[in-house]
Amino acid sequence: MPMAAEPIEVRMARLEGAYEQIDRRLGNVESALQAVRAELHQEISSLRRESRQQFFWLLVVLVVSVLLQIASRYLPAP
């Protein structure tokens, strides 16, 4: 039966069903996207924390090496 020969109610019901299915799928996509964003935010926070820690230790090593150089100039040799 051609689509034009179907009653309008049947065609509207088919469109409403398709709309509901699309709405559910978009809801699933939105949920998945929110989960990915949350995971990405967590990973970026972790990366920043690691970078800060590594920078802190690099700064400590640098300061200690400079202080040792200064101390070696002003302290008498054994």
N, C-alpha and C. Protein backbone atom coordinates (compact mmCIF):
# COMPACT_ATOMS: atom_id res chain seq x y z
N MET A 1 0.85 -1.17 0.00
CA MET A 1 0.00 0.00 0.00
C MET A 1 0.90 1.24 0.00
N PRO A 2 0.73 2.13 -0.93
CA PRO A 2 1.54 3.34 -0.97
C PRO A 2 1.30 4.19 0.28
N MET A 3 2.32 4.95 0.62
CA MET A 3 2.25 5.73 1.84
C MET A 3 1.16 6.79 1.78
N ALA A 4 0.93 7.38 0.64
CA ALA A 4 -0.07 8.43 0.50
C ALA A 4 -1.47 7.88 0.73
N ALA A 5 -1.68 6.59 0.48
CA ALA A 5 -3.00 6.01 0.63
C ALA A 5 -3.30 5.64 2.09
N GLU A 6 -2.28 5.65 2.98
CA GLU A 6 -2.50 5.34 4.38
C GLU A 6 -3.20 6.51 5.07
N PRO A 7 -4.02 6.21 6.05
CA PRO A 7 -4.67 7.30 6.79
C PRO A 7 -3.63 8.14 7.52
N ILE A 8 -3.98 9.39 7.73
CA ILE A 8 -3.07 10.33 8.37
C ILE A 8 -2.70 9.89 9.79
N GLU A 9 -3.67 9.22 10.47
CA GLU A 9 -3.41 8.78 11.83
C GLU A 9 -2.28 7.74 11.87
N VAL A 10 -2.27 6.84 10.89
CA VAL A 10 -1.23 5.81 10.83
C VAL A 10 0.13 6.45 10.57
N ARG A 11 0.16 7.39 9.67
CA ARG A 11 1.41 8.07 9.36
C ARG A 11 1.90 8.89 10.55
N MET A 12 0.97 9.56 11.25
CA MET A 12 1.35 10.34 12.43
C MET A 12 1.87 9.44 13.54
N ALA A 13 1.24 8.28 13.72
CA ALA A 13 1.68 7.33 14.74
C ALA A 13 3.09 6.83 14.42
N ARG A 14 3.36 6.58 13.16
CA ARG A 14 4.70 6.14 12.75
C ARG A 14 5.73 7.23 13.02
N LEU A 15 5.38 8.46 12.70
CA LEU A 15 6.30 9.58 12.95
C LEU A 15 6.52 9.79 14.45
N GLU A 16 5.47 9.66 15.24
CA GLU A 16 5.62 9.82 16.69
C GLU A 16 6.52 8.72 17.26
N GLY A 17 6.36 7.51 16.76
CA GLY A 17 7.24 6.41 17.20
C GLY A 17 8.68 6.67 16.84
N ALA A 18 8.90 7.16 15.64
CA ALA A 18 10.26 7.47 15.20
C ALA A 18 10.84 8.60 16.05
N TYR A 19 10.00 9.59 16.35
CA TYR A 19 10.45 10.71 17.18
C TYR A 19 10.85 10.22 18.57
N GLU A 20 10.06 9.35 19.16
CA GLU A 20 10.38 8.82 20.49
C GLU A 20 11.69 8.02 20.48
N GLN A 21 11.88 7.27 19.41
CA GLN A 21 13.12 6.48 19.30
C GLN A 21 14.33 7.42 19.17
N ILE A 22 14.20 8.45 18.37
CA ILE A 22 15.29 9.42 18.21
C ILE A 22 15.56 10.12 19.53
N ASP A 23 14.48 10.46 20.26
CA ASP A 23 14.62 11.12 21.55
C ASP A 23 15.39 10.23 22.54
N ARG A 24 15.06 8.93 22.56
CA ARG A 24 15.78 8.00 23.44
C ARG A 24 17.24 7.88 23.05
N ARG A 25 17.50 7.78 21.76
CA ARG A 25 18.88 7.65 21.31
C ARG A 25 19.69 8.90 21.63
N LEU A 26 19.10 10.07 21.44
CA LEU A 26 19.81 11.30 21.77
C LEU A 26 20.05 11.40 23.27
N GLY A 27 19.11 10.90 24.06
CA GLY A 27 19.31 10.86 25.51
C GLY A 27 20.48 9.97 25.88
N ASN A 28 20.60 8.84 25.20
CA ASN A 28 21.74 7.93 25.45
C ASN A 28 23.05 8.58 25.04
N VAL A 29 23.04 9.27 23.91
CA VAL A 29 24.25 9.96 23.44
C VAL A 29 24.64 11.06 24.42
N GLU A 30 23.65 11.79 24.91
CA GLU A 30 23.92 12.86 25.88
C GLU A 30 24.52 12.29 27.17
N SER A 31 23.97 11.19 27.65
CA SER A 31 24.50 10.55 28.86
C SER A 31 25.94 10.09 28.66
N ALA A 32 26.19 9.47 27.51
CA ALA A 32 27.55 9.00 27.21
C ALA A 32 28.52 10.18 27.12
N LEU A 33 28.08 11.25 26.51
CA LEU A 33 28.93 12.44 26.38
C LEU A 33 29.24 13.04 27.75
N GLN A 34 28.26 13.08 28.63
CA GLN A 34 28.49 13.59 29.98
C GLN A 34 29.50 12.71 30.73
N ALA A 35 29.40 11.41 30.54
CA ALA A 35 30.34 10.48 31.19
C ALA A 35 31.76 10.70 30.66
N VAL A 36 31.89 10.90 29.37
CA VAL A 36 33.21 11.15 28.78
C VAL A 36 33.78 12.47 29.28
N ARG A 37 32.93 13.50 29.38
CA ARG A 37 33.40 14.79 29.89
C ARG A 37 33.88 14.67 31.33
N ALA A 38 33.14 13.93 32.15
CA ALA A 38 33.53 13.75 33.55
C ALA A 38 34.86 13.00 33.65
N GLU A 39 35.01 11.97 32.83
CA GLU A 39 36.26 11.21 32.83
C GLU A 39 37.43 12.08 32.36
N LEU A 40 37.19 12.86 31.33
CA LEU A 40 38.23 13.75 30.81
C LEU A 40 38.63 14.79 31.86
N HIS A 41 37.64 15.34 32.56
CA HIS A 41 37.91 16.31 33.62
C HIS A 41 38.77 15.67 34.71
N GLN A 42 38.44 14.45 35.08
CA GLN A 42 39.20 13.74 36.10
C GLN A 42 40.64 13.49 35.65
N GLU A 43 40.81 13.08 34.40
CA GLU A 43 42.16 12.83 33.88
C GLU A 43 42.99 14.11 33.81
N ILE A 44 42.37 15.21 33.41
CA ILE A 44 43.09 16.48 33.34
C ILE A 44 43.50 16.93 34.73
N SER A 45 42.61 16.77 35.70
CA SER A 45 42.94 17.12 37.08
C SER A 45 44.11 16.28 37.59
N SER A 46 44.10 15.01 37.29
CA SER A 46 45.18 14.12 37.69
C SER A 46 46.50 14.54 37.03
N LEU A 47 46.44 14.87 35.78
CA LEU A 47 47.64 15.30 35.05
C LEU A 47 48.20 16.59 35.64
N ARG A 48 47.32 17.52 35.98
CA ARG A 48 47.77 18.78 36.60
C ARG A 48 48.43 18.51 37.95
N ARG A 49 47.84 17.62 38.73
CA ARG A 49 48.39 17.29 40.04
C ARG A 49 49.79 16.68 39.89
N GLU A 50 49.95 15.76 38.95
CA GLU A 50 51.25 15.14 38.70
C GLU A 50 52.27 16.18 38.23
N SER A 51 51.85 17.08 37.37
CA SER A 51 52.76 18.12 36.86
C SER A 51 53.23 19.02 37.99
N ARG A 52 52.31 19.39 38.89
CA ARG A 52 52.70 20.23 40.03
C ARG A 52 53.70 19.52 40.92
N GLN A 53 53.48 18.24 41.17
CA GLN A 53 54.41 17.49 42.01
C GLN A 53 55.79 17.39 41.38
N GLN A 54 55.81 17.10 40.09
CA GLN A 54 57.10 16.99 39.41
C GLN A 54 57.82 18.34 39.37
N PHE A 55 57.07 19.41 39.16
CA PHE A 55 57.68 20.73 39.15
C PHE A 55 58.25 21.06 40.53
N PHE A 56 57.51 20.72 41.58
CA PHE A 56 57.98 20.97 42.94
C PHE A 56 59.31 20.27 43.18
N TRP A 57 59.41 19.01 42.81
CA TRP A 57 60.66 18.26 43.04
C TRP A 57 61.79 18.79 42.15
N LEU A 58 61.48 19.19 40.97
CA LEU A 58 62.50 19.79 40.10
C LEU A 58 63.01 21.09 40.72
N LEU A 59 62.11 21.88 41.26
CA LEU A 59 62.50 23.13 41.90
C LEU A 59 63.36 22.86 43.14
N VAL A 60 63.00 21.86 43.92
CA VAL A 60 63.78 21.50 45.11
C VAL A 60 65.19 21.09 44.71
N VAL A 61 65.32 20.25 43.71
CA VAL A 61 66.64 19.81 43.24
C VAL A 61 67.46 20.99 42.74
N LEU A 62 66.84 21.87 42.01
CA LEU A 62 67.53 23.04 41.49
C LEU A 62 68.01 23.95 42.62
N VAL A 63 67.17 24.23 43.60
CA VAL A 63 67.55 25.09 44.72
C VAL A 63 68.67 24.45 45.53
N VAL A 64 68.56 23.16 45.80
CA VAL A 64 69.61 22.47 46.56
C VAL A 64 70.94 22.50 45.80
N SER A 65 70.91 22.29 44.51
CA SER A 65 72.17 22.31 43.75
C SER A 65 72.79 23.70 43.75
N VAL A 66 71.98 24.74 43.68
CA VAL A 66 72.51 26.11 43.73
C VAL A 66 73.08 26.38 45.12
N LEU A 67 72.37 25.97 46.16
CA LEU A 67 72.87 26.18 47.52
C LEU A 67 74.17 25.41 47.77
N LEU A 68 74.28 24.23 47.23
CA LEU A 68 75.53 23.47 47.37
C LEU A 68 76.69 24.16 46.67
N GLN A 69 76.42 24.73 45.52
CA GLN A 69 77.48 25.47 44.80
C GLN A 69 77.92 26.68 45.62
N ILE A 70 76.96 27.40 46.17
CA ILE A 70 77.28 28.57 46.97
C ILE A 70 78.05 28.16 48.22
N ALA A 71 77.58 27.12 48.88
CA ALA A 71 78.24 26.65 50.10
C ALA A 71 79.65 26.16 49.82
N SER A 72 79.89 25.52 48.69
CA SER A 72 81.22 25.01 48.38
C SER A 72 82.21 26.14 48.15
N ARG A 73 81.77 27.31 47.77
CA ARG A 73 82.66 28.45 47.57
C ARG A 73 83.06 29.10 48.89
N TYR A 74 82.14 29.10 49.84
CA TYR A 74 82.40 29.83 51.09
C TYR A 74 82.83 28.95 52.26
N LEU A 75 82.68 27.65 52.12
CA LEU A 75 83.12 26.78 53.19
C LEU A 75 84.55 26.34 52.92
N PRO A 76 85.35 26.23 53.97
CA PRO A 76 86.75 25.80 53.75
C PRO A 76 86.80 24.33 53.32
N ALA A 77 87.75 24.01 52.52
CA ALA A 77 87.92 22.63 52.04
C ALA A 77 88.49 21.81 53.19
N PRO A 78 88.10 20.55 53.35
CA PRO A 78 88.61 19.73 54.44
C PRO A 78 90.06 19.32 54.24
